[in-house]
Protein backbone atom coordinates (compact mmCIF):
# COMPACT_ATOMS: atom_id res chain seq x y z
CA MET A 1 -31.87 50.91 45.45
CA PRO A 2 -35.01 51.66 43.40
CA PHE A 3 -33.43 54.55 41.50
CA SER A 4 -30.48 52.47 40.31
CA ASP A 5 -32.94 49.88 38.98
CA ILE A 6 -34.95 52.58 37.22
CA SER A 7 -31.82 54.20 35.82
CA ALA A 8 -30.62 50.90 34.40
CA LYS A 9 -34.04 50.28 32.85
CA ILE A 10 -34.00 53.72 31.16
CA ASP A 11 -30.54 52.97 29.72
CA GLY A 12 -32.17 50.23 27.64
CA TYR A 13 -34.81 52.48 26.06
CA ARG A 14 -32.89 53.68 22.97
CA ASP A 15 -35.15 51.80 20.53
CA GLN A 16 -38.26 52.94 22.39
CA VAL A 17 -37.14 56.57 22.20
CA ILE A 18 -36.59 56.30 18.45
CA GLU A 19 -39.94 54.63 17.86
CA LEU A 20 -41.89 57.18 19.89
CA GLN A 21 -40.08 60.12 18.29
CA LYS A 22 -40.82 58.67 14.84
CA GLU A 23 -44.54 58.50 15.59
CA LEU A 24 -44.62 62.02 17.02
CA VAL A 25 -42.66 63.65 14.21
CA CYS A 26 -45.05 62.35 11.53
CA ARG A 27 -47.97 63.92 13.44
CA PRO A 28 -46.98 67.62 13.37
CA ALA A 29 -49.78 69.24 15.43
CA LEU A 30 -49.45 72.76 14.04
CA SER A 31 -51.53 75.66 15.29
CA PRO A 32 -54.23 76.78 12.82
CA THR A 33 -52.72 80.27 13.01
CA TYR A 34 -49.93 78.99 10.74
CA ASN A 35 -52.37 78.25 7.88
CA ALA A 36 -50.95 74.74 7.52
CA ALA A 37 -52.48 71.90 5.53
CA PRO A 38 -55.51 70.53 7.43
CA GLU A 39 -53.87 67.14 8.02
CA HIS A 40 -51.03 68.89 9.88
CA THR A 41 -53.28 71.13 11.96
CA GLY A 42 -54.27 70.65 15.59
CA GLU A 43 -53.14 68.24 18.29
CA LEU A 44 -55.96 65.67 18.14
CA CYS A 45 -54.21 63.08 15.96
CA LYS A 46 -51.05 63.21 18.07
CA VAL A 47 -52.90 63.01 21.38
CA GLU A 48 -55.04 60.09 20.21
CA TYR A 49 -51.84 58.24 19.31
CA LEU A 50 -50.32 59.09 22.69
CA GLU A 51 -53.40 57.79 24.51
CA LYS A 52 -53.01 54.42 22.79
CA HIS A 53 -49.26 54.36 23.37
CA LEU A 54 -49.53 55.18 27.06
CA LYS A 55 -52.16 52.48 27.58
CA SER A 56 -49.92 49.98 25.80
CA ILE A 57 -47.11 50.55 28.32
CA GLY A 58 -49.41 50.26 31.31
CA ILE A 59 -50.48 53.86 32.00
CA THR A 60 -54.26 53.73 32.17
CA ASP A 61 -55.09 56.70 34.39
CA LEU A 62 -55.68 59.17 31.55
CA THR A 63 -57.70 62.38 31.53
CA ARG A 64 -58.41 64.48 28.43
CA ILE A 65 -59.14 68.19 28.62
CA ASP A 66 -60.56 69.34 25.27
CA ALA A 67 -60.64 72.99 24.29
CA LYS A 68 -63.05 73.73 21.45
CA ASP A 69 -61.59 75.23 18.28
CA ALA A 70 -63.60 75.13 15.05
CA ARG A 71 -60.48 75.90 12.99
CA VAL A 72 -59.00 72.40 13.35
CA PRO A 73 -60.12 68.93 12.23
CA GLY A 74 -62.29 67.42 14.94
CA GLY A 75 -63.00 70.85 16.40
CA ILE A 76 -60.95 70.38 19.59
CA ARG A 77 -57.44 71.08 20.92
CA PRO A 78 -56.84 68.33 23.50
CA SER A 79 -54.47 68.34 26.47
CA LEU A 80 -53.77 65.05 28.22
CA ILE A 81 -52.95 64.06 31.80
CA ALA A 82 -51.37 60.64 32.38
CA ARG A 83 -50.86 59.61 36.00
CA VAL A 84 -48.80 56.90 37.68
CA LYS A 85 -49.80 56.33 41.30
CA GLY A 86 -47.05 56.74 43.87
CA GLU A 87 -46.53 55.50 47.40
CA SER A 88 -48.16 58.76 48.52
CA SER A 89 -50.65 61.05 46.81
CA GLN A 90 -49.95 63.98 49.14
CA ARG A 91 -48.20 65.69 46.25
CA THR A 92 -47.64 65.12 42.55
CA VAL A 93 -44.45 65.33 40.54
CA TRP A 94 -45.53 66.91 37.25
CA ILE A 95 -43.73 66.79 33.90
CA MET A 96 -45.45 69.31 31.65
CA ALA A 97 -44.57 69.21 27.95
CA HIS A 98 -46.42 70.46 24.87
CA THR A 99 -47.53 68.49 21.83
CA ASP A 100 -47.67 71.25 19.20
CA VAL A 101 -44.73 72.31 17.04
CA VAL A 102 -43.84 75.20 14.72
CA PRO A 103 -43.77 74.91 10.91
CA PRO A 104 -40.53 73.77 9.25
CA GLY A 105 -39.84 77.16 7.66
CA ASP A 106 -37.56 77.27 4.61
CA MET A 107 -37.64 73.69 3.32
CA SER A 108 -34.51 74.21 1.22
CA LYS A 109 -32.45 74.46 4.41
CA TRP A 110 -33.50 71.02 5.64
CA THR A 111 -31.29 68.06 4.73
CA SER A 112 -34.18 65.63 5.26
CA ASP A 113 -37.98 65.63 5.38
CA PRO A 114 -38.86 67.50 8.62
CA TYR A 115 -41.84 65.21 9.19
CA VAL A 116 -39.87 61.96 8.81
CA LEU A 117 -37.52 61.11 11.67
CA LYS A 118 -33.86 60.87 10.67
CA VAL A 119 -31.57 58.85 12.95
CA ASP A 120 -27.86 59.63 12.77
CA GLY A 121 -26.07 57.81 15.58
CA ASP A 122 -27.02 59.62 18.79
CA LEU A 123 -28.79 62.38 16.88
CA LEU A 124 -32.46 62.54 15.94
CA VAL A 125 -33.48 65.08 13.30
CA GLY A 126 -37.01 66.32 12.55
CA ARG A 127 -39.42 69.11 13.39
CA GLY A 128 -40.33 68.92 17.05
CA VAL A 129 -37.73 66.34 18.14
CA GLU A 130 -36.32 68.85 20.65
CA ASP A 131 -39.20 71.30 21.03
CA ASN A 132 -40.93 69.65 22.75
CA HIS A 133 -40.73 65.94 21.99
CA GLN A 134 -37.50 65.63 23.97
CA GLY A 135 -39.23 66.56 27.21
CA LEU A 136 -42.39 64.66 26.31
CA VAL A 137 -40.54 61.45 25.43
CA ALA A 138 -38.26 61.73 28.47
CA GLY A 139 -41.32 61.99 30.70
CA VAL A 140 -42.91 58.95 29.08
CA MET A 141 -39.69 56.94 29.52
CA ALA A 142 -39.43 57.91 33.19
CA ALA A 143 -43.02 56.81 33.83
CA ARG A 144 -42.52 53.62 31.82
CA ALA A 145 -39.44 52.67 33.84
CA PHE A 146 -41.36 52.82 37.13
CA ILE A 147 -44.09 50.59 35.72
CA GLU A 148 -41.76 48.03 34.12
CA CYS A 149 -39.57 47.87 37.24
CA GLY A 150 -42.64 47.35 39.42
CA ILE A 151 -41.58 50.29 41.59
CA LYS A 152 -43.89 53.05 42.74
CA PRO A 153 -42.58 56.61 42.67
CA ALA A 154 -42.41 58.28 46.08
CA TYR A 155 -45.32 60.49 45.05
CA ASP A 156 -47.77 60.44 42.15
CA LEU A 157 -46.01 61.04 38.84
CA ALA A 158 -48.11 62.84 36.23
CA LEU A 159 -47.44 63.84 32.64
CA LEU A 160 -49.36 66.90 31.44
CA LEU A 161 -49.15 67.16 27.66
CA VAL A 162 -50.65 70.50 26.68
CA ALA A 163 -51.80 71.97 23.39
CA ASP A 164 -51.20 75.36 21.81
CA GLU A 165 -47.91 76.32 23.51
CA GLU A 166 -46.40 77.71 20.31
CA ALA A 167 -49.27 80.13 19.65
CA GLY A 168 -50.18 81.62 23.01
CA SER A 169 -51.59 78.67 25.03
CA SER A 170 -55.17 79.95 25.11
CA HIS A 171 -56.29 76.43 24.06
CA GLY A 172 -53.61 74.80 26.21
CA ILE A 173 -52.42 75.47 29.76
CA HIS A 174 -54.60 78.58 30.14
CA TYR A 175 -57.67 76.50 29.29
CA VAL A 176 -56.56 73.69 31.63
CA LEU A 177 -56.19 76.13 34.52
CA GLU A 178 -59.57 77.74 33.77
CA GLN A 179 -61.46 74.43 33.82
CA ALA A 180 -60.26 72.94 37.08
CA SER A 181 -56.61 73.27 37.95
CA PRO A 182 -55.10 69.84 38.67
CA PHE A 183 -52.22 71.41 40.61
CA HIS A 184 -51.69 71.92 44.35
CA PRO A 185 -49.20 74.24 46.09
CA GLN A 186 -47.11 71.34 47.40
CA ASP A 187 -46.65 69.79 43.93
CA LEU A 188 -43.27 69.60 42.20
CA ILE A 189 -43.50 70.82 38.59
CA ILE A 190 -40.90 70.32 35.85
CA VAL A 191 -41.35 72.01 32.45
CA PRO A 192 -38.73 70.38 30.15
CA ASP A 193 -38.88 73.11 27.51
CA GLY A 194 -35.55 74.92 27.76
CA GLY A 195 -32.02 74.52 28.98
CA ASN A 196 -28.40 74.36 27.92
CA ALA A 197 -25.97 71.78 26.58
CA GLU A 198 -24.55 70.95 30.03
CA GLY A 199 -27.91 70.63 31.73
CA SER A 200 -26.78 73.08 34.41
CA GLU A 201 -29.40 75.82 33.96
CA ILE A 202 -32.51 75.58 36.11
CA GLU A 203 -34.84 78.32 34.90
CA VAL A 204 -36.76 79.97 37.73
CA ALA A 205 -37.72 83.34 36.21
CA GLU A 206 -38.71 84.92 32.91
CA LYS A 207 -38.71 88.44 31.56
CA SER A 208 -41.85 90.33 30.65
CA ILE A 209 -42.75 90.03 26.97
CA MET A 210 -44.22 92.71 24.75
CA TRP A 211 -44.54 92.32 20.99
CA CYS A 212 -45.38 95.63 19.35
CA LYS A 213 -46.86 96.14 15.89
CA PHE A 214 -46.38 99.60 14.38
CA THR A 215 -48.50 100.66 11.41
CA VAL A 216 -47.18 103.88 9.90
CA THR A 217 -49.63 105.63 7.58
CA GLY A 218 -48.44 108.39 5.30
CA LYS A 219 -49.39 109.29 1.71
CA GLN A 220 -48.44 107.21 -1.31
CA CYS A 221 -47.15 108.85 -4.48
CA HIS A 222 -44.64 108.40 -7.30
CA ALA A 223 -41.09 108.12 -5.95
CA SER A 224 -39.90 110.83 -8.35
CA THR A 225 -42.17 113.38 -6.68
CA PRO A 226 -41.74 112.67 -2.96
CA HIS A 227 -42.88 116.20 -2.06
CA LEU A 228 -46.41 115.12 -3.01
CA GLY A 229 -46.54 112.34 -0.42
CA HIS A 230 -45.44 111.34 3.06
CA ASN A 231 -43.00 108.42 3.04
CA ALA A 232 -44.25 105.91 5.62
CA MET A 233 -41.12 103.78 5.30
CA ARG A 234 -38.80 106.71 6.04
CA ALA A 235 -40.88 107.60 9.09
CA GLY A 236 -40.85 103.99 10.22
CA ALA A 237 -37.07 103.82 9.89
CA HIS A 238 -36.71 106.90 12.07
CA LEU A 239 -39.07 105.36 14.61
CA VAL A 240 -36.86 102.25 14.77
CA VAL A 241 -33.92 104.50 15.60
CA ALA A 242 -35.93 106.54 18.12
CA LEU A 243 -36.92 103.34 19.92
CA GLU A 244 -33.25 102.81 20.81
CA ARG A 245 -34.14 105.15 23.69
CA LEU A 246 -35.67 102.11 25.41
CA ARG A 247 -32.20 100.63 25.92
CA GLU A 248 -31.15 103.72 27.86
CA LYS A 249 -34.32 104.14 29.89
CA PHE A 250 -34.48 100.49 30.91
CA GLY A 251 -30.81 99.64 30.98
CA ASP A 252 -30.40 97.86 34.32
CA ARG A 253 -28.70 94.47 34.37
CA ASP A 254 -29.58 91.40 36.43
CA PRO A 255 -26.94 88.62 36.41
CA VAL A 256 -29.59 85.95 37.06
CA PHE A 257 -30.86 86.45 33.51
CA VAL A 258 -29.28 85.46 30.21
CA PRO A 259 -28.84 87.99 28.67
CA ALA A 260 -28.60 90.16 31.78
CA GLN A 261 -30.35 93.22 30.34
CA SER A 262 -33.72 93.98 28.79
CA THR A 263 -33.78 93.63 25.00
CA PHE A 264 -35.67 95.70 22.42
CA GLU A 265 -35.23 94.31 18.92
CA PRO A 266 -36.95 95.33 15.66
CA THR A 267 -37.78 92.08 13.89
CA LYS A 268 -40.47 91.36 11.32
CA LYS A 269 -41.35 93.81 8.54
CA ASP A 270 -44.43 93.48 6.33
CA ALA A 271 -44.26 94.08 2.59
CA ASN A 272 -45.31 97.59 1.63
CA VAL A 273 -45.34 98.51 -2.08
CA PRO A 274 -44.94 96.21 -5.12
CA ALA A 275 -42.60 98.46 -7.16
CA ILE A 276 -39.39 100.39 -6.55
CA ASN A 277 -40.79 103.63 -7.97
CA ILE A 278 -43.66 103.89 -5.50
CA LEU A 279 -43.28 105.92 -2.33
CA PRO A 280 -45.03 103.81 0.34
CA GLY A 281 -48.07 105.24 2.07
CA GLU A 282 -48.08 102.49 4.66
CA ASP A 283 -45.29 100.66 6.45
CA VAL A 284 -45.61 97.97 9.12
CA PHE A 285 -42.90 96.62 11.39
CA TYR A 286 -42.62 94.85 14.75
CA LEU A 287 -40.59 95.23 17.93
CA ASP A 288 -39.80 92.32 20.27
CA CYS A 289 -39.36 93.53 23.87
CA ARG A 290 -38.05 91.26 26.65
CA VAL A 291 -38.07 93.31 29.83
CA LEU A 292 -36.55 92.62 33.24
CA PRO A 293 -39.31 91.96 35.81
CA ARG A 294 -38.29 95.02 37.85
CA TYR A 295 -39.74 97.27 35.12
CA ASN A 296 -43.43 97.88 34.52
CA LEU A 297 -44.64 97.39 30.95
CA GLU A 298 -46.81 100.49 31.33
CA ASP A 299 -43.63 102.55 31.72
CA VAL A 300 -42.11 100.91 28.65
CA GLU A 301 -45.25 101.68 26.65
CA ALA A 302 -45.13 105.33 27.77
CA VAL A 303 -41.64 105.75 26.30
CA ILE A 304 -42.73 104.04 23.07
CA ARG A 305 -45.63 106.46 22.71
CA GLU A 306 -43.30 109.41 23.27
CA CYS A 307 -41.23 108.20 20.32
CA ILE A 308 -44.37 107.77 18.21
CA ILE A 309 -45.56 111.33 18.85
CA GLU A 310 -42.17 112.77 17.90
CA VAL A 311 -42.02 110.85 14.60
CA GLU A 312 -45.63 111.65 13.73
CA LYS A 313 -44.96 115.38 14.09
CA LYS A 314 -41.68 115.31 12.18
CA PHE A 315 -42.93 113.33 9.17
CA SER A 316 -46.66 114.20 9.07
CA VAL A 317 -47.74 110.58 9.45
CA LYS A 318 -50.02 108.62 11.74
CA ILE A 319 -48.67 105.65 13.70
CA GLU A 320 -50.88 102.97 15.22
CA LEU A 321 -49.48 100.80 18.03
CA LYS A 322 -50.94 97.34 18.69
CA PHE A 323 -49.70 94.58 20.95
CA GLU A 324 -49.45 91.13 19.41
CA GLN A 325 -48.48 89.80 22.83
CA ARG A 326 -48.12 91.51 26.17
CA GLU A 327 -47.38 89.75 29.46
CA GLN A 328 -45.92 91.19 32.61
CA ALA A 329 -43.39 88.79 34.08
CA ALA A 330 -44.75 86.18 36.46
CA PRO A 331 -43.33 85.97 40.00
CA ALA A 332 -40.11 83.98 40.07
CA THR A 333 -39.84 80.54 41.61
CA PRO A 334 -37.80 81.01 44.81
CA VAL A 335 -34.28 79.62 44.46
CA ASP A 336 -34.78 77.72 47.72
CA ALA A 337 -38.06 76.08 46.62
CA PRO A 338 -38.11 72.26 47.03
CA ILE A 339 -38.31 71.67 43.27
CA VAL A 340 -35.08 73.64 42.73
CA SER A 341 -33.11 71.70 45.34
CA ARG A 342 -34.48 68.36 44.12
CA MET A 343 -33.58 69.21 40.54
CA SER A 344 -30.07 70.21 41.61
CA SER A 345 -29.57 66.88 43.37
CA ALA A 346 -30.93 64.91 40.42
CA ILE A 347 -28.79 66.76 37.87
CA GLN A 348 -25.69 66.14 39.98
CA GLU A 349 -26.54 62.46 40.33
CA VAL A 350 -27.28 61.84 36.65
CA TYR A 351 -25.04 64.26 34.77
CA GLY A 352 -22.38 65.08 37.36
CA VAL A 353 -22.82 68.83 36.94
CA THR A 354 -23.86 71.54 39.37
CA GLY A 355 -27.20 73.09 38.59
CA HIS A 356 -27.80 76.81 39.12
CA ALA A 357 -30.88 79.02 38.96
CA VAL A 358 -31.22 81.34 35.95
CA GLY A 359 -33.73 83.68 34.34
CA ILE A 360 -34.45 83.79 30.60
CA GLY A 361 -35.91 86.15 28.04
CA GLY A 362 -38.13 83.59 26.34
CA GLY A 363 -41.65 82.89 27.50
CA THR A 364 -42.66 79.37 28.55
CA VAL A 365 -45.76 77.65 29.88
CA ALA A 366 -44.25 77.95 33.35
CA ALA A 367 -45.44 81.57 33.54
CA PRO A 368 -49.19 80.80 33.93
CA LEU A 369 -48.35 78.38 36.73
CA ARG A 370 -46.19 80.89 38.56
CA ARG A 371 -48.98 83.44 38.35
CA LYS A 372 -51.12 80.92 40.25
CA GLY A 373 -48.49 80.75 43.00
CA LEU A 374 -47.16 77.37 41.86
CA HIS A 375 -43.42 76.76 42.04
CA CYS A 376 -41.97 75.21 38.91
CA VAL A 377 -38.72 75.02 36.97
CA VAL A 378 -37.94 74.92 33.27
CA TRP A 379 -35.12 72.50 32.61
CA SER A 380 -33.64 70.13 30.07
CA ARG A 381 -30.21 69.18 28.74
CA MET A 382 -30.39 70.31 25.13
CA ASP A 383 -28.48 71.97 22.30
CA GLU A 384 -31.31 74.46 21.63
CA THR A 385 -31.89 73.81 17.93
CA MET A 386 -35.63 74.43 18.23
CA HIS A 387 -37.47 76.41 15.54
CA GLY A 388 -34.51 76.16 13.14
CA PRO A 389 -33.91 73.95 10.11
CA ASN A 390 -32.65 70.44 10.91
CA GLU A 391 -33.91 70.65 14.49
CA ASN A 392 -32.29 67.84 16.42
CA ALA A 393 -32.12 66.13 19.80
CA ARG A 394 -29.68 63.63 21.29
CA ILE A 395 -30.93 60.23 22.37
CA SER A 396 -28.44 60.36 25.24
CA ASN A 397 -30.00 63.61 26.46
CA ILE A 398 -33.51 62.17 26.29
CA LEU A 399 -32.46 59.15 28.34
CA GLY A 400 -30.49 61.32 30.77
CA ASP A 401 -33.39 63.72 31.22
CA ALA A 402 -35.70 60.77 31.88
CA LYS A 403 -33.33 59.69 34.66
CA VAL A 404 -33.36 63.19 36.19
CA MET A 405 -37.17 63.20 36.16
CA ALA A 406 -37.26 59.71 37.66
CA HIS A 407 -34.79 60.75 40.38
CA VAL A 408 -37.06 63.63 41.42
CA ALA A 409 -40.08 61.32 41.42
CA ALA A 410 -38.28 58.62 43.41
CA THR A 411 -37.06 60.95 46.16
CA LYS A 412 -39.14 61.51 49.30
């Protein structure tokens, strides 16, 4: 059977996985919003390497979609489509991964250079090896196996490698969709950018996301004479407590999601004053809201503004609310959509586990597709070490994921 041949071919790709991961890790592709060194900024260097690599393994149907961005070397943020023709072109099986990564963070917590691949048995360590090189490399290996086996997939198999996922996607999938969407309603779309260690979670829905920035303005003075000022930090602390009201107002649970409830977490806090004996006249903090789709973000905002008004009156301060990110949840992929059933069959065949539909709190590049009425799933078998120090991915998972992708592509 064709799939058994393809599966056996993928089993022999350990060295190819290591080599491709090595080349990707040393080309970081950081968003310019991170203020990284110029040689680490933008996706152009990584995509140019991928173009050469894909051609070298026999994938020649390549299309670049370049979003202009003067902040990066070369002035563009490229996304790349690589297509392998199938027995039928009535639909396309898409594997959509992203080429950009996040910065390494605290370097002292890394046990190796984050931009030099470390191989430790089955484990690969380096920034980006899981998020999102695992999905990218798995897709490349699946496509490569079809070509080297001389077998056509049942339908066209296309890799879409997008830019800018880690910083909002305005130069990535949003730009791709604005230019001329390559997708059709009958297509099968896999986004290998999330999952669990068993490979059982097939993500079909996401929560709404709202990142709030609160700027509390009071009056600075000497800390020994607080009656002469208005302590912005004290007011901000009370606002954090007042915002706990959101948990009560929007407290429903939905077992499809993990976690099942909406979450409202104070996170980042900007520096305020340089000395201990200064009463701060300004204080800035942020709130990360992940809201079940049944709730409207306008209603969440209304409760937040109620809390702001109360704190302003009590502490004689002014509080400005800005949204760093705000997206109402996209429609869910139906649990009976063809891509869900095909993924379930493939996961069972390759990993011997039963896949089940879930919703998540994190945002992925599946959301813009779902808003266009396209059915897609987010899936991978991973340990979820992304964004942390010593990010890692298992070679066995990359090869297994490639088999799952190939199974979907080989099935009529």
